[in-house]
Amino acid sequence: MIMHTSMIRLSMLTVLLLSLSGCINISAQLQPINESVKAEKTSSDCADIIFGFGFGSLSVEHAMTKVQSIQDPLHPYREPIWERVPYITKIRSIELQDWRFLFFGERCINVTGE
């Protein structure tokens, strides 16, 4: 009986260590923080990572804009138009963030500013 419970504990510990071995959460500042700009808004541009494979290109320009849907007043029942509008005009900081849990993850560029 004692051998049986120790084997269960060992197998649970092994499963826990294997599942946590693929977890990361890393943030890196890409430039010094500009103290003269207020930290009012934060926006990001992200790319997904699935099973270690990711596709996409990240840019600070996309992170500084916000995706917004515009409804066409002439055709209100048509699919809305998606466009990027300026959201951040002055940059306080740029941060690269990478997180993964097991087989899924995401890499983002976060921009903070006014």
PDB file of N, CA and C in Angstrom:
ATOM      1  N   MET A   1       0.819  -1.195   0.000  1.00  0.00           N
ATOM      2  CA  MET A   1       0.000   0.000   0.000  1.00  0.00           C
ATOM      3  C   MET A   1       0.866   1.263   0.000  1.00  0.00           C
ATOM      4  N   ILE A   2       1.946   1.249   0.783  1.00  0.00           N
ATOM      5  CA  ILE A   2       2.839   2.405   0.828  1.00  0.00           C
ATOM      6  C   ILE A   2       3.531   2.584  -0.508  1.00  0.00           C
ATOM      7  N   MET A   3       3.891   1.498  -1.150  1.00  0.00           N
ATOM      8  CA  MET A   3       4.534   1.553  -2.460  1.00  0.00           C
ATOM      9  C   MET A   3       3.578   2.136  -3.505  1.00  0.00           C
ATOM     10  N   HIS A   4       2.315   1.810  -3.400  1.00  0.00           N
ATOM     11  CA  HIS A   4       1.311   2.278  -4.352  1.00  0.00           C
ATOM     12  C   HIS A   4       1.126   3.797  -4.255  1.00  0.00           C
ATOM     13  N   THR A   5       1.008   4.361  -3.048  1.00  0.00           N
ATOM     14  CA  THR A   5       0.828   5.804  -2.886  1.00  0.00           C
ATOM     15  C   THR A   5       2.084   6.577  -3.283  1.00  0.00           C
ATOM     16  N   SER A   6       3.246   6.019  -3.032  1.00  0.00           N
ATOM     17  CA  SER A   6       4.466   6.712  -3.444  1.00  0.00           C
ATOM     18  C   SER A   6       4.597   6.740  -4.961  1.00  0.00           C
ATOM     19  N   MET A   7       4.148   5.696  -5.637  1.00  0.00           N
ATOM     20  CA  MET A   7       4.174   5.673  -7.105  1.00  0.00           C
ATOM     21  C   MET A   7       3.193   6.702  -7.672  1.00  0.00           C
ATOM     22  N   ILE A   8       2.041   6.845  -7.051  1.00  0.00           N
ATOM     23  CA  ILE A   8       1.064   7.843  -7.495  1.00  0.00           C
ATOM     24  C   ILE A   8       1.631   9.242  -7.304  1.00  0.00           C
ATOM     25  N   ARG A   9       2.240   9.503  -6.165  1.00  0.00           N
ATOM     26  CA  ARG A   9       2.848  10.821  -5.918  1.00  0.00           C
ATOM     27  C   ARG A   9       3.971  11.108  -6.899  1.00  0.00           C
ATOM     28  N   LEU A  10       4.786  10.136  -7.177  1.00  0.00           N
ATOM     29  CA  LEU A  10       5.881  10.313  -8.120  1.00  0.00           C
ATOM     30  C   LEU A  10       5.360  10.589  -9.524  1.00  0.00           C
ATOM     31  N   SER A  11       4.333   9.877  -9.944  1.00  0.00           N
ATOM     32  CA  SER A  11       3.781  10.107 -11.280  1.00  0.00           C
ATOM     33  C   SER A  11       3.094  11.471 -11.364  1.00  0.00           C
ATOM     34  N   MET A  12       2.416  11.906 -10.295  1.00  0.00           N
ATOM     35  CA  MET A  12       1.798  13.233 -10.293  1.00  0.00           C
ATOM     36  C   MET A  12       2.859  14.327 -10.334  1.00  0.00           C
ATOM     37  N   LEU A  13       3.941  14.145  -9.614  1.00  0.00           N
ATOM     38  CA  LEU A  13       5.037  15.104  -9.635  1.00  0.00           C
ATOM     39  C   LEU A  13       5.689  15.170 -11.008  1.00  0.00           C
ATOM     40  N   THR A  14       5.841  14.028 -11.654  1.00  0.00           N
ATOM     41  CA  THR A  14       6.416  13.984 -13.008  1.00  0.00           C
ATOM     42  C   THR A  14       5.523  14.709 -13.999  1.00  0.00           C
ATOM     43  N   VAL A  15       4.228  14.487 -13.933  1.00  0.00           N
ATOM     44  CA  VAL A  15       3.290  15.168 -14.835  1.00  0.00           C
ATOM     45  C   VAL A  15       3.314  16.674 -14.591  1.00  0.00           C
ATOM     46  N   LEU A  16       3.364  17.085 -13.334  1.00  0.00           N
ATOM     47  CA  LEU A  16       3.409  18.506 -13.017  1.00  0.00           C
ATOM     48  C   LEU A  16       4.682  19.156 -13.551  1.00  0.00           C
ATOM     49  N   LEU A  17       5.815  18.516 -13.367  1.00  0.00           N
ATOM     50  CA  LEU A  17       7.082  19.073 -13.864  1.00  0.00           C
ATOM     51  C   LEU A  17       7.120  19.138 -15.386  1.00  0.00           C
ATOM     52  N   LEU A  18       6.584  18.136 -16.055  1.00  0.00           N
ATOM     53  CA  LEU A  18       6.551  18.151 -17.515  1.00  0.00           C
ATOM     54  C   LEU A  18       5.619  19.232 -18.044  1.00  0.00           C
ATOM     55  N   SER A  19       4.495  19.448 -17.394  1.00  0.00           N
ATOM     56  CA  SER A  19       3.557  20.458 -17.880  1.00  0.00           C
ATOM     57  C   SER A  19       4.067  21.867 -17.632  1.00  0.00           C
ATOM     58  N   LEU A  20       4.820  22.089 -16.564  1.00  0.00           N
ATOM     59  CA  LEU A  20       5.345  23.423 -16.283  1.00  0.00           C
ATOM     60  C   LEU A  20       6.661  23.707 -16.988  1.00  0.00           C
ATOM     61  N   SER A  21       7.257  22.721 -17.603  1.00  0.00           N
ATOM     62  CA  SER A  21       8.548  22.934 -18.243  1.00  0.00           C
ATOM     63  C   SER A  21       8.451  23.790 -19.498  1.00  0.00           C
ATOM     64  N   GLY A  22       7.276  23.899 -20.096  1.00  0.00           N
ATOM     65  CA  GLY A  22       7.117  24.691 -21.312  1.00  0.00           C
ATOM     66  C   GLY A  22       6.503  26.046 -21.075  1.00  0.00           C
ATOM     67  N   CYS A  23       6.527  26.562 -19.853  1.00  0.00           N
ATOM     68  CA  CYS A  23       5.885  27.832 -19.526  1.00  0.00           C
ATOM     69  C   CYS A  23       6.914  28.948 -19.419  1.00  0.00           C
ATOM     70  N   ILE A  24       6.664  30.057 -20.144  1.00  0.00           N
ATOM     71  CA  ILE A  24       7.529  31.233 -20.019  1.00  0.00           C
ATOM     72  C   ILE A  24       6.669  32.487 -20.045  1.00  0.00           C
ATOM     73  N   ASN A  25       7.154  33.542 -19.444  1.00  0.00           N
ATOM     74  CA  ASN A  25       6.537  34.857 -19.503  1.00  0.00           C
ATOM     75  C   ASN A  25       7.669  35.869 -19.392  1.00  0.00           C
ATOM     76  N   ILE A  26       8.071  36.455 -20.518  1.00  0.00           N
ATOM     77  CA  ILE A  26       9.236  37.333 -20.582  1.00  0.00           C
ATOM     78  C   ILE A  26       8.810  38.680 -21.154  1.00  0.00           C
ATOM     79  N   SER A  27       9.254  39.760 -20.516  1.00  0.00           N
ATOM     80  CA  SER A  27       9.037  41.113 -21.025  1.00  0.00           C
ATOM     81  C   SER A  27      10.391  41.798 -21.159  1.00  0.00           C
ATOM     82  N   ALA A  28      10.573  42.551 -22.234  1.00  0.00           N
ATOM     83  CA  ALA A  28      11.837  43.253 -22.459  1.00  0.00           C
ATOM     84  C   ALA A  28      11.558  44.663 -22.980  1.00  0.00           C
ATOM     85  N   GLN A  29      12.139  45.671 -22.331  1.00  0.00           N
ATOM     86  CA  GLN A  29      12.037  47.051 -22.791  1.00  0.00           C
ATOM     87  C   GLN A  29      12.985  47.235 -23.971  1.00  0.00           C
ATOM     88  N   LEU A  30      12.481  47.777 -25.082  1.00  0.00           N
ATOM     89  CA  LEU A  30      13.321  47.934 -26.267  1.00  0.00           C
ATOM     90  C   LEU A  30      13.993  49.298 -26.358  1.00  0.00           C
ATOM     91  N   GLN A  31      13.536  50.247 -25.552  1.00  0.00           N
ATOM     92  CA  GLN A  31      14.156  51.561 -25.536  1.00  0.00           C
ATOM     93  C   GLN A  31      13.991  52.145 -24.143  1.00  0.00           C
ATOM     94  N   PRO A  32      14.812  53.146 -23.788  1.00  0.00           N
ATOM     95  CA  PRO A  32      14.641  53.780 -22.478  1.00  0.00           C
ATOM     96  C   PRO A  32      13.271  54.463 -22.383  1.00  0.00           C
ATOM     97  N   ILE A  33      12.715  54.499 -21.175  1.00  0.00           N
ATOM     98  CA  ILE A  33      11.403  55.121 -20.966  1.00  0.00           C
ATOM     99  C   ILE A  33      11.534  56.633 -21.086  1.00  0.00           C
ATOM    100  N   ASN A  34      10.650  57.247 -21.876  1.00  0.00           N
ATOM    101  CA  ASN A  34      10.612  58.697 -22.051  1.00  0.00           C
ATOM    102  C   ASN A  34       9.720  59.268 -20.953  1.00  0.00           C
ATOM    103  N   GLU A  35      10.317  59.824 -19.901  1.00  0.00           N
ATOM    104  CA  GLU A  35       9.581  60.311 -18.738  1.00  0.00           C
ATOM    105  C   GLU A  35       8.732  61.534 -19.052  1.00  0.00           C
ATOM    106  N   SER A  36       9.005  62.261 -20.141  1.00  0.00           N
ATOM    107  CA  SER A  36       8.236  63.463 -20.465  1.00  0.00           C
ATOM    108  C   SER A  36       6.874  63.137 -21.082  1.00  0.00           C
ATOM    109  N   VAL A  37       6.650  61.876 -21.482  1.00  0.00           N
ATOM    110  CA  VAL A  37       5.380  61.459 -22.066  1.00  0.00           C
ATOM    111  C   VAL A  37       4.585  60.701 -21.007  1.00  0.00           C
ATOM    112  N   LYS A  38       3.306  61.037 -20.866  1.00  0.00           N
ATOM    113  CA  LYS A  38       2.450  60.389 -19.874  1.00  0.00           C
ATOM    114  C   LYS A  38       2.059  58.989 -20.348  1.00  0.00           C
ATOM    115  N   ALA A  39       1.857  58.095 -19.397  1.00  0.00           N
ATOM    116  CA  ALA A  39       1.424  56.720 -19.709  1.00  0.00           C
ATOM    117  C   ALA A  39      -0.101  56.659 -19.653  1.00  0.00           C
ATOM    118  N   GLU A  40      -0.762  57.230 -20.656  1.00  0.00           N
ATOM    119  CA  GLU A  40      -2.225  57.292 -20.674  1.00  0.00           C
ATOM    120  C   GLU A  40      -2.855  56.109 -21.402  1.00  0.00           C
ATOM    121  N   LYS A  41      -2.205  55.628 -22.455  1.00  0.00           N
ATOM    122  CA  LYS A  41      -2.779  54.580 -23.295  1.00  0.00           C
ATOM    123  C   LYS A  41      -1.764  53.473 -23.527  1.00  0.00           C
ATOM    124  N   THR A  42      -2.258  52.269 -23.665  1.00  0.00           N
ATOM    125  CA  THR A  42      -1.420  51.124 -24.016  1.00  0.00           C
ATOM    126  C   THR A  42      -2.095  50.359 -25.133  1.00  0.00           C
ATOM    127  N   SER A  43      -1.318  50.003 -26.140  1.00  0.00           N
ATOM    128  CA  SER A  43      -1.848  49.240 -27.265  1.00  0.00           C
ATOM    129  C   SER A  43      -0.794  48.218 -27.679  1.00  0.00           C
ATOM    130  N   SER A  44      -1.219  47.174 -28.393  1.00  0.00           N
ATOM    131  CA  SER A  44      -0.264  46.124 -28.755  1.00  0.00           C
ATOM    132  C   SER A  44      -0.587  45.526 -30.116  1.00  0.00           C
ATOM    133  N   ASP A  45       0.420  44.898 -30.677  1.00  0.00           N
ATOM    134  CA  ASP A  45       0.316  44.126 -31.916  1.00  0.00           C
ATOM    135  C   ASP A  45       0.867  42.747 -31.592  1.00  0.00           C
ATOM    136  N   CYS A  46       0.068  41.693 -31.812  1.00  0.00           N
ATOM    137  CA  CYS A  46       0.432  40.351 -31.358  1.00  0.00           C
ATOM    138  C   CYS A  46       0.407  39.331 -32.491  1.00  0.00           C
ATOM    139  N   ALA A  47       1.205  38.290 -32.326  1.00  0.00           N
ATOM    140  CA  ALA A  47       1.209  37.132 -33.230  1.00  0.00           C
ATOM    141  C   ALA A  47       1.085  35.872 -32.379  1.00  0.00           C
ATOM    142  N   ASP A  48       0.229  34.956 -32.795  1.00  0.00           N
ATOM    143  CA  ASP A  48       0.001  33.719 -32.051  1.00  0.00           C
ATOM    144  C   ASP A  48       1.061  32.674 -32.369  1.00  0.00           C
ATOM    145  N   ILE A  49       1.336  31.818 -31.395  1.00  0.00           N
ATOM    146  CA  ILE A  49       2.274  30.712 -31.546  1.00  0.00           C
ATOM    147  C   ILE A  49       1.536  29.438 -31.155  1.00  0.00           C
ATOM    148  N   ILE A  50       1.468  28.476 -32.067  1.00  0.00           N
ATOM    149  CA  ILE A  50       0.773  27.212 -31.810  1.00  0.00           C
ATOM    150  C   ILE A  50       1.722  26.071 -32.131  1.00  0.00           C
ATOM    151  N   PHE A  51       1.938  25.187 -31.164  1.00  0.00           N
ATOM    152  CA  PHE A  51       2.850  24.051 -31.294  1.00  0.00           C
ATOM    153  C   PHE A  51       4.244  24.487 -31.747  1.00  0.00           C
ATOM    154  N   GLY A  52       4.693  25.648 -31.284  1.00  0.00           N
ATOM    155  CA  GLY A  52       6.028  26.140 -31.614  1.00  0.00           C
ATOM    156  C   GLY A  52       6.127  26.842 -32.951  1.00  0.00           C
ATOM    157  N   PHE A  53       5.020  26.915 -33.693  1.00  0.00           N
ATOM    158  CA  PHE A  53       5.016  27.581 -34.990  1.00  0.00           C
ATOM    159  C   PHE A  53       4.230  28.880 -34.884  1.00  0.00           C
ATOM    160  N   GLY A  54       4.795  29.941 -35.437  1.00  0.00           N
ATOM    161  CA  GLY A  54       4.132  31.230 -35.444  1.00  0.00           C
ATOM    162  C   GLY A  54       4.314  31.891 -36.785  1.00  0.00           C
ATOM    163  N   PHE A  55       3.374  32.743 -37.134  1.00  0.00           N
ATOM    164  CA  PHE A  55       3.443  33.442 -38.410  1.00  0.00           C
ATOM    165  C   PHE A  55       2.922  34.850 -38.214  1.00  0.00           C
ATOM    166  N   GLY A  56       3.582  35.806 -38.833  1.00  0.00           N
ATOM    167  CA  GLY A  56       3.139  37.190 -38.778  1.00  0.00           C
ATOM    168  C   GLY A  56       4.316  38.115 -38.609  1.00  0.00           C
ATOM    169  N   SER A  57       4.043  39.385 -38.781  1.00  0.00           N
ATOM    170  CA  SER A  57       5.074  40.396 -38.561  1.00  0.00           C
ATOM    171  C   SER A  57       4.488  41.443 -37.630  1.00  0.00           C
ATOM    172  N   LEU A  58       5.263  41.786 -36.630  1.00  0.00           N
ATOM    173  CA  LEU A  58       4.832  42.767 -35.642  1.00  0.00           C
ATOM    174  C   LEU A  58       5.479  44.107 -35.959  1.00  0.00           C
ATOM    175  N   SER A  59       4.729  45.181 -35.751  1.00  0.00           N
ATOM    176  CA  SER A  59       5.307  46.499 -35.994  1.00  0.00           C
ATOM    177  C   SER A  59       4.814  47.485 -34.948  1.00  0.00           C
ATOM    178  N   VAL A  60       5.645  48.456 -34.653  1.00  0.00           N
ATOM    179  CA  VAL A  60       5.296  49.497 -33.705  1.00  0.00           C
ATOM    180  C   VAL A  60       4.160  50.350 -34.279  1.00  0.00           C
ATOM    181  N   GLU A  61       4.160  50.558 -35.593  1.00  0.00           N
ATOM    182  CA  GLU A  61       3.111  51.360 -36.223  1.00  0.00           C
ATOM    183  C   GLU A  61       1.737  50.721 -36.033  1.00  0.00           C
ATOM    184  N   HIS A  62       1.645  49.391 -36.188  1.00  0.00           N
ATOM    185  CA  HIS A  62       0.366  48.719 -35.958  1.00  0.00           C
ATOM    186  C   HIS A  62      -0.015  48.759 -34.490  1.00  0.00           C
ATOM    187  N   ALA A  63       0.969  48.684 -33.609  1.00  0.00           N
ATOM    188  CA  ALA A  63       0.681  48.744 -32.179  1.00  0.00           C
ATOM    189  C   ALA A  63       0.194  50.130 -31.760  1.00  0.00           C
ATOM    190  N   MET A  64       0.609  51.166 -32.472  1.00  0.00           N
ATOM    191  CA  MET A  64       0.190  52.528 -32.144  1.00  0.00           C
ATOM    192  C   MET A  64      -1.202  52.865 -32.660  1.00  0.00           C
ATOM    193  N   THR A  65      -1.758  52.011 -33.492  1.00  0.00           N
ATOM    194  CA  THR A  65      -3.090  52.262 -34.031  1.00  0.00           C
ATOM    195  C   THR A  65      -4.094  51.308 -33.409  1.00  0.00           C
ATOM    196  N   LYS A  66      -5.358  51.624 -33.600  1.00  0.00           N
ATOM    197  CA  LYS A  66      -6.438  50.810 -33.059  1.00  0.00           C
ATOM    198  C   LYS A  66      -7.348  50.410 -34.214  1.00  0.00           C
ATOM    199  N   VAL A  67      -7.724  49.136 -34.257  1.00  0.00           N
ATOM    200  CA  VAL A  67      -8.629  48.668 -35.302  1.00  0.00           C
ATOM    201  C   VAL A  67     -10.049  49.063 -34.919  1.00  0.00           C
ATOM    202  N   GLN A  68     -10.728  49.694 -35.856  1.00  0.00           N
ATOM    203  CA  GLN A  68     -12.073  50.191 -35.592  1.00  0.00           C
ATOM    204  C   GLN A  68     -12.971  49.855 -36.771  1.00  0.00           C
ATOM    205  N   SER A  69     -14.223  49.518 -36.493  1.00  0.00           N
ATOM    206  CA  SER A  69     -15.158  49.235 -37.586  1.00  0.00           C
ATOM    207  C   SER A  69     -15.934  50.505 -37.915  1.00  0.00           C
ATOM    208  N   ILE A  70     -16.057  50.781 -39.196  1.00  0.00           N
ATOM    209  CA  ILE A  70     -16.789  51.940 -39.693  1.00  0.00           C
ATOM    210  C   ILE A  70     -17.998  51.422 -40.471  1.00  0.00           C
ATOM    211  N   GLN A  71     -19.185  51.873 -40.094  1.00  0.00           N
ATOM    212  CA  GLN A  71     -20.402  51.465 -40.803  1.00  0.00           C
ATOM    213  C   GLN A  71     -20.631  52.422 -41.975  1.00  0.00           C
ATOM    214  N   ASP A  72     -20.925  51.869 -43.133  1.00  0.00           N
ATOM    215  CA  ASP A  72     -21.195  52.666 -44.336  1.00  0.00           C
ATOM    216  C   ASP A  72     -22.593  53.265 -44.222  1.00  0.00           C
ATOM    217  N   PRO A  73     -22.726  54.614 -44.194  1.00  0.00           N
ATOM    218  CA  PRO A  73     -24.055  55.211 -44.031  1.00  0.00           C
ATOM    219  C   PRO A  73     -24.976  54.970 -45.237  1.00  0.00           C
ATOM    220  N   LEU A  74     -24.395  54.772 -46.433  1.00  0.00           N
ATOM    221  CA  LEU A  74     -25.223  54.537 -47.614  1.00  0.00           C
ATOM    222  C   LEU A  74     -25.755  53.110 -47.669  1.00  0.00           C
ATOM    223  N   HIS A  75     -25.009  52.165 -47.106  1.00  0.00           N
ATOM    224  CA  HIS A  75     -25.418  50.760 -47.091  1.00  0.00           C
ATOM    225  C   HIS A  75     -25.304  50.237 -45.655  1.00  0.00           C
ATOM    226  N   PRO A  76     -26.286  50.529 -44.797  1.00  0.00           N
ATOM    227  CA  PRO A  76     -26.161  50.167 -43.382  1.00  0.00           C
ATOM    228  C   PRO A  76     -26.173  48.665 -43.114  1.00  0.00           C
ATOM    229  N   TYR A  77     -26.675  47.861 -44.053  1.00  0.00           N
ATOM    230  CA  TYR A  77     -26.750  46.409 -43.824  1.00  0.00           C
ATOM    231  C   TYR A  77     -25.560  45.661 -44.411  1.00  0.00           C
ATOM    232  N   ARG A  78     -24.662  46.379 -45.070  1.00  0.00           N
ATOM    233  CA  ARG A  78     -23.446  45.778 -45.608  1.00  0.00           C
ATOM    234  C   ARG A  78     -22.459  45.526 -44.473  1.00  0.00           C
ATOM    235  N   GLU A  79     -21.542  44.616 -44.696  1.00  0.00           N
ATOM    236  CA  GLU A  79     -20.504  44.303 -43.709  1.00  0.00           C
ATOM    237  C   GLU A  79     -19.709  45.577 -43.380  1.00  0.00           C
ATOM    238  N   PRO A  80     -19.411  45.854 -42.095  1.00  0.00           N
ATOM    239  CA  PRO A  80     -18.670  47.073 -41.755  1.00  0.00           C
ATOM    240  C   PRO A  80     -17.248  47.054 -42.326  1.00  0.00           C
ATOM    241  N   ILE A  81     -16.709  48.239 -42.527  1.00  0.00           N
ATOM    242  CA  ILE A  81     -15.350  48.421 -43.039  1.00  0.00           C
ATOM    243  C   ILE A  81     -14.421  48.523 -41.835  1.00  0.00           C
ATOM    244  N   TRP A  82     -13.318  47.761 -41.873  1.00  0.00           N
ATOM    245  CA  TRP A  82     -12.339  47.793 -40.783  1.00  0.00           C
ATOM    246  C   TRP A  82     -11.164  48.655 -41.203  1.00  0.00           C
ATOM    247  N   GLU A  83     -10.783  49.563 -40.354  1.00  0.00           N
ATOM    248  CA  GLU A  83      -9.616  50.404 -40.647  1.00  0.00           C
ATOM    249  C   GLU A  83      -8.867  50.696 -39.352  1.00  0.00           C
ATOM    250  N   ARG A  84      -7.602  51.064 -39.536  1.00  0.00           N
ATOM    251  CA  ARG A  84      -6.774  51.409 -38.378  1.00  0.00           C
ATOM    252  C   ARG A  84      -6.759  52.926 -38.223  1.00  0.00           C
ATOM    253  N   VAL A  85      -7.051  53.375 -37.008  1.00  0.00           N
ATOM    254  CA  VAL A  85      -7.050  54.805 -36.721  1.00  0.00           C
ATOM    255  C   VAL A  85      -5.973  55.087 -35.675  1.00  0.00           C
ATOM    256  N   PRO A  86      -5.362  56.287 -35.701  1.00  0.00           N
ATOM    257  CA  PRO A  86      -4.311  56.601 -34.726  1.00  0.00           C
ATOM    258  C   PRO A  86      -4.856  56.543 -33.304  1.00  0.00           C
ATOM    259  N   TYR A  87      -4.112  55.901 -32.432  1.00  0.00           N
ATOM    260  CA  TYR A  87      -4.510  55.764 -31.037  1.00  0.00           C
ATOM    261  C   TYR A  87      -3.463  56.370 -30.112  1.00  0.00           C
ATOM    262  N   ILE A  88      -2.197  56.134 -30.414  1.00  0.00           N
ATOM    263  CA  ILE A  88      -1.094  56.698 -29.636  1.00  0.00           C
ATOM    264  C   ILE A  88      -0.262  57.571 -30.563  1.00  0.00           C
ATOM    265  N   THR A  89      -0.027  58.821 -30.161  1.00  0.00           N
ATOM    266  CA  THR A  89       0.740  59.739 -31.004  1.00  0.00           C
ATOM    267  C   THR A  89       2.148  59.991 -30.465  1.00  0.00           C
ATOM    268  N   LYS A  90       2.328  59.896 -29.139  1.00  0.00           N
ATOM    269  CA  LYS A  90       3.652  60.075 -28.528  1.00  0.00           C
ATOM    270  C   LYS A  90       3.998  58.800 -27.755  1.00  0.00           C
ATOM    271  N   ILE A  91       5.198  58.280 -27.975  1.00  0.00           N
ATOM    272  CA  ILE A  91       5.614  57.015 -27.370  1.00  0.00           C
ATOM    273  C   ILE A  91       6.363  57.262 -26.060  1.00  0.00           C
ATOM    274  N   ARG A  92       5.919  56.586 -25.003  1.00  0.00           N
ATOM    275  CA  ARG A  92       6.634  56.598 -23.719  1.00  0.00           C
ATOM    276  C   ARG A  92       7.571  55.403 -23.637  1.00  0.00           C
ATOM    277  N   SER A  93       7.065  54.207 -23.985  1.00  0.00           N
ATOM    278  CA  SER A  93       7.909  53.013 -23.925  1.00  0.00           C
ATOM    279  C   SER A  93       7.422  51.974 -24.930  1.00  0.00           C
ATOM    280  N   ILE A  94       8.355  51.143 -25.359  1.00  0.00           N
ATOM    281  CA  ILE A  94       8.066  50.016 -26.252  1.00  0.00           C
ATOM    282  C   ILE A  94       8.570  48.763 -25.552  1.00  0.00           C
ATOM    283  N   GLU A  95       7.704  47.767 -25.474  1.00  0.00           N
ATOM    284  CA  GLU A  95       8.040  46.549 -24.747  1.00  0.00           C
ATOM    285  C   GLU A  95       7.725  45.334 -25.613  1.00  0.00           C
ATOM    286  N   LEU A  96       8.623  44.376 -25.616  1.00  0.00           N
ATOM    287  CA  LEU A  96       8.413  43.107 -26.299  1.00  0.00           C
ATOM    288  C   LEU A  96       8.037  42.079 -25.246  1.00  0.00           C
ATOM    289  N   GLN A  97       6.867  41.448 -25.408  1.00  0.00           N
ATOM    290  CA  GLN A  97       6.399  40.475 -24.422  1.00  0.00           C
ATOM    291  C   GLN A  97       6.172  39.132 -25.103  1.00  0.00           C
ATOM    292  N   ASP A  98       6.637  38.087 -24.454  1.00  0.00           N
ATOM    293  CA  ASP A  98       6.531  36.730 -24.987  1.00  0.00           C
ATOM    294  C   ASP A  98       6.027  35.833 -23.867  1.00  0.00           C
ATOM    295  N   TRP A  99       4.934  35.111 -24.117  1.00  0.00           N
ATOM    296  CA  TRP A  99       4.459  34.141 -23.126  1.00  0.00           C
ATOM    297  C   TRP A  99       4.045  32.866 -23.833  1.00  0.00           C
ATOM    298  N   ARG A 100       4.258  31.760 -23.156  1.00  0.00           N
ATOM    299  CA  ARG A 100       3.885  30.439 -23.681  1.00  0.00           C
ATOM    300  C   ARG A 100       3.450  29.559 -22.535  1.00  0.00           C
ATOM    301  N   PHE A 101       2.473  28.708 -22.814  1.00  0.00           N
ATOM    302  CA  PHE A 101       2.039  27.685 -21.876  1.00  0.00           C
ATOM    303  C   PHE A 101       1.837  26.407 -22.670  1.00  0.00           C
ATOM    304  N   LEU A 102       2.675  25.434 -22.414  1.00  0.00           N
ATOM    305  CA  LEU A 102       2.671  24.165 -23.132  1.00  0.00           C
ATOM    306  C   LEU A 102       2.839  24.394 -24.625  1.00  0.00           C
ATOM    307  N   PHE A 103       1.806  24.191 -25.417  1.00  0.00           N
ATOM    308  CA  PHE A 103       1.943  24.260 -26.884  1.00  0.00           C
ATOM    309  C   PHE A 103       1.422  25.559 -27.481  1.00  0.00           C
ATOM    310  N   PHE A 104       0.940  26.482 -26.659  1.00  0.00           N
ATOM    311  CA  PHE A 104       0.335  27.706 -27.168  1.00  0.00           C
ATOM    312  C   PHE A 104       1.037  28.914 -26.573  1.00  0.00           C
ATOM    313  N   GLY A 105       1.045  30.004 -27.331  1.00  0.00           N
ATOM    314  CA  GLY A 105       1.680  31.206 -26.828  1.00  0.00           C
ATOM    315  C   GLY A 105       1.395  32.405 -27.704  1.00  0.00           C
ATOM    316  N   GLU A 106       2.076  33.497 -27.380  1.00  0.00           N
ATOM    317  CA  GLU A 106       1.856  34.752 -28.095  1.00  0.00           C
ATOM    318  C   GLU A 106       3.076  35.645 -27.906  1.00  0.00           C
ATOM    319  N   ARG A 107       3.448  36.352 -28.940  1.00  0.00           N
ATOM    320  CA  ARG A 107       4.512  37.365 -28.866  1.00  0.00           C
ATOM    321  C   ARG A 107       3.871  38.698 -29.245  1.00  0.00           C
ATOM    322  N   CYS A 108       4.097  39.715 -28.413  1.00  0.00           N
ATOM    323  CA  CYS A 108       3.451  41.009 -28.615  1.00  0.00           C
ATOM    324  C   CYS A 108       4.455  42.142 -28.517  1.00  0.00           C
ATOM    325  N   ILE A 109       4.170  43.227 -29.222  1.00  0.00           N
ATOM    326  CA  ILE A 109       4.857  44.499 -29.035  1.00  0.00           C
ATOM    327  C   ILE A 109       3.842  45.406 -28.364  1.00  0.00           C
ATOM    328  N   ASN A 110       4.166  45.871 -27.152  1.00  0.00           N
ATOM    329  CA  ASN A 110       3.289  46.763 -26.399  1.00  0.00           C
ATOM    330  C   ASN A 110       3.856  48.177 -26.458  1.00  0.00           C
ATOM    331  N   VAL A 111       3.012  49.137 -26.822  1.00  0.00           N
ATOM    332  CA  VAL A 111       3.417  50.535 -26.897  1.00  0.00           C
ATOM    333  C   VAL A 111       2.582  51.319 -25.880  1.00  0.00           C
ATOM    334  N   THR A 112       3.256  52.110 -25.048  1.00  0.00           N
ATOM    335  CA  THR A 112       2.581  52.940 -24.053  1.00  0.00           C
ATOM    336  C   THR A 112       2.905  54.402 -24.369  1.00  0.00           C
ATOM    337  N   GLY A 113       1.905  55.263 -24.231  1.00  0.00           N
ATOM    338  CA  GLY A 113       2.140  56.673 -24.496  1.00  0.00           C
ATOM    339  C   GLY A 113       0.861  57.495 -24.416  1.00  0.00           C
ATOM    340  N   GLU A 114       0.898  58.632 -25.113  1.00  0.00           N
ATOM    341  CA  GLU A 114      -0.261  59.536 -25.143  1.00  0.00           C
ATOM    342  C   GLU A 114      -0.985  59.408 -26.466  1.00  0.00           C
TER     343      GLU A 114
END
